[in-house]
Amino acid sequence: MKGWKDFLREEDAVGVVEIILILVVLVGLVMIFKNQLTSVINSMFSKITNQANRL
């Protein structure tokens, strides 16, 4: 039982869990807004290409 109490008090892995949760949320947002993000990125690259061709 003492090992279990020590495990619960240990907070070293809390930072890792927080980072994993943040990554899961970010991946979820990217999956939800994939079409919108793709269209925004494509329009930005087309504008960059058009302006580069003018030079």
N, C-alpha and C. Protein backbone atom coordinates (compact mmCIF):
# COMPACT_ATOMS: atom_id res chain seq x y z
N MET A 1 0.82 -1.20 0.00
CA MET A 1 0.00 0.00 0.00
C MET A 1 0.86 1.26 0.00
N LYS A 2 2.04 1.18 0.62
CA LYS A 2 2.91 2.35 0.66
C LYS A 2 3.36 2.75 -0.74
N GLY A 3 3.62 1.78 -1.59
CA GLY A 3 4.02 2.07 -2.97
C GLY A 3 2.94 2.82 -3.72
N TRP A 4 1.70 2.48 -3.48
CA TRP A 4 0.57 3.14 -4.14
C TRP A 4 0.47 4.60 -3.69
N LYS A 5 0.65 4.87 -2.41
CA LYS A 5 0.60 6.24 -1.90
C LYS A 5 1.75 7.07 -2.48
N ASP A 6 2.93 6.48 -2.56
CA ASP A 6 4.07 7.18 -3.16
C ASP A 6 3.80 7.49 -4.63
N PHE A 7 3.18 6.55 -5.32
CA PHE A 7 2.86 6.75 -6.73
C PHE A 7 1.89 7.91 -6.90
N LEU A 8 0.89 8.01 -6.05
CA LEU A 8 -0.10 9.08 -6.15
C LEU A 8 0.50 10.44 -5.81
N ARG A 9 1.50 10.47 -4.92
CA ARG A 9 2.13 11.74 -4.54
C ARG A 9 3.12 12.24 -5.58
N GLU A 10 3.65 11.32 -6.37
CA GLU A 10 4.65 11.68 -7.36
C GLU A 10 4.00 12.51 -8.46
N GLU A 11 4.62 13.65 -8.80
CA GLU A 11 4.04 14.56 -9.78
C GLU A 11 4.95 14.75 -10.99
N ASP A 12 5.93 13.91 -11.18
CA ASP A 12 6.84 14.07 -12.30
C ASP A 12 6.14 13.88 -13.64
N ALA A 13 5.20 12.98 -13.70
CA ALA A 13 4.54 12.67 -14.96
C ALA A 13 3.41 13.63 -15.29
N VAL A 14 3.10 14.56 -14.39
CA VAL A 14 2.00 15.48 -14.64
C VAL A 14 2.30 16.35 -15.85
N GLY A 15 3.53 16.80 -16.00
CA GLY A 15 3.88 17.62 -17.16
C GLY A 15 3.73 16.86 -18.46
N VAL A 16 4.11 15.61 -18.47
CA VAL A 16 3.98 14.78 -19.67
C VAL A 16 2.51 14.59 -20.02
N VAL A 17 1.70 14.35 -19.03
CA VAL A 17 0.26 14.16 -19.27
C VAL A 17 -0.35 15.45 -19.83
N GLU A 18 0.04 16.59 -19.30
CA GLU A 18 -0.48 17.86 -19.80
C GLU A 18 -0.09 18.08 -21.25
N ILE A 19 1.15 17.78 -21.60
CA ILE A 19 1.59 17.94 -22.98
C ILE A 19 0.81 17.01 -23.90
N ILE A 20 0.60 15.78 -23.47
CA ILE A 20 -0.16 14.83 -24.30
C ILE A 20 -1.59 15.31 -24.49
N LEU A 21 -2.21 15.82 -23.43
CA LEU A 21 -3.58 16.33 -23.56
C LEU A 21 -3.65 17.52 -24.50
N ILE A 22 -2.68 18.41 -24.43
CA ILE A 22 -2.64 19.56 -25.34
C ILE A 22 -2.50 19.09 -26.78
N LEU A 23 -1.62 18.12 -27.02
CA LEU A 23 -1.46 17.59 -28.37
C LEU A 23 -2.73 16.92 -28.88
N VAL A 24 -3.42 16.21 -28.01
CA VAL A 24 -4.68 15.57 -28.42
C VAL A 24 -5.71 16.62 -28.81
N VAL A 25 -5.80 17.69 -28.04
CA VAL A 25 -6.74 18.77 -28.37
C VAL A 25 -6.37 19.42 -29.69
N LEU A 26 -5.08 19.69 -29.90
CA LEU A 26 -4.65 20.31 -31.16
C LEU A 26 -4.94 19.41 -32.36
N VAL A 27 -4.66 18.13 -32.23
CA VAL A 27 -4.95 17.20 -33.33
C VAL A 27 -6.45 17.13 -33.58
N GLY A 28 -7.24 17.15 -32.53
CA GLY A 28 -8.69 17.15 -32.70
C GLY A 28 -9.18 18.39 -33.42
N LEU A 29 -8.63 19.55 -33.07
CA LEU A 29 -9.03 20.78 -33.74
C LEU A 29 -8.62 20.77 -35.21
N VAL A 30 -7.45 20.26 -35.50
CA VAL A 30 -7.01 20.17 -36.89
C VAL A 30 -7.93 19.24 -37.67
N MET A 31 -8.33 18.13 -37.06
CA MET A 31 -9.23 17.21 -37.76
C MET A 31 -10.60 17.83 -37.99
N ILE A 32 -11.09 18.60 -37.02
CA ILE A 32 -12.40 19.22 -37.16
C ILE A 32 -12.39 20.30 -38.23
N PHE A 33 -11.34 21.13 -38.24
CA PHE A 33 -11.28 22.27 -39.15
C PHE A 33 -10.35 22.03 -40.33
N LYS A 34 -10.18 20.76 -40.73
CA LYS A 34 -9.24 20.41 -41.79
C LYS A 34 -9.57 21.13 -43.11
N ASN A 35 -10.82 21.12 -43.51
CA ASN A 35 -11.20 21.74 -44.79
C ASN A 35 -10.96 23.24 -44.78
N GLN A 36 -11.32 23.89 -43.68
CA GLN A 36 -11.12 25.33 -43.60
C GLN A 36 -9.64 25.67 -43.60
N LEU A 37 -8.84 24.92 -42.85
CA LEU A 37 -7.40 25.17 -42.80
C LEU A 37 -6.76 24.95 -44.17
N THR A 38 -7.19 23.92 -44.88
CA THR A 38 -6.65 23.64 -46.20
C THR A 38 -6.95 24.76 -47.16
N SER A 39 -8.16 25.27 -47.14
CA SER A 39 -8.52 26.36 -48.06
C SER A 39 -7.77 27.64 -47.73
N VAL A 40 -7.58 27.94 -46.46
CA VAL A 40 -6.83 29.14 -46.07
C VAL A 40 -5.37 29.02 -46.51
N ILE A 41 -4.77 27.87 -46.28
CA ILE A 41 -3.36 27.68 -46.64
C ILE A 41 -3.19 27.71 -48.15
N ASN A 42 -4.12 27.10 -48.88
CA ASN A 42 -4.03 27.13 -50.34
C ASN A 42 -4.17 28.54 -50.88
N SER A 43 -5.06 29.32 -50.32
CA SER A 43 -5.21 30.70 -50.79
C SER A 43 -3.98 31.53 -50.46
N MET A 44 -3.37 31.29 -49.30
CA MET A 44 -2.15 32.03 -48.96
C MET A 44 -1.02 31.68 -49.92
N PHE A 45 -0.85 30.39 -50.22
CA PHE A 45 0.21 30.00 -51.14
C PHE A 45 -0.04 30.50 -52.55
N SER A 46 -1.29 30.55 -52.99
CA SER A 46 -1.57 31.08 -54.32
C SER A 46 -1.27 32.57 -54.39
N LYS A 47 -1.57 33.31 -53.33
CA LYS A 47 -1.23 34.74 -53.31
C LYS A 47 0.28 34.95 -53.32
N ILE A 48 0.99 34.12 -52.57
CA ILE A 48 2.45 34.22 -52.54
C ILE A 48 3.02 33.91 -53.92
N THR A 49 2.49 32.90 -54.56
CA THR A 49 2.97 32.52 -55.89
C THR A 49 2.68 33.62 -56.91
N ASN A 50 1.48 34.19 -56.84
CA ASN A 50 1.13 35.26 -57.77
C ASN A 50 2.03 36.47 -57.58
N GLN A 51 2.31 36.84 -56.37
CA GLN A 51 3.16 38.00 -56.11
C GLN A 51 4.61 37.72 -56.48
N ALA A 52 5.05 36.49 -56.30
CA ALA A 52 6.42 36.13 -56.69
C ALA A 52 6.59 36.14 -58.20
N ASN A 53 5.53 35.76 -58.94
CA ASN A 53 5.61 35.77 -60.40
C ASN A 53 5.62 37.19 -60.95
N ARG A 54 5.07 38.14 -60.23
CA ARG A 54 5.07 39.54 -60.68
C ARG A 54 6.46 40.15 -60.64
N LEU A 55 7.31 39.65 -59.77
CA LEU A 55 8.66 40.20 -59.65
C LEU A 55 9.45 39.69 -60.78
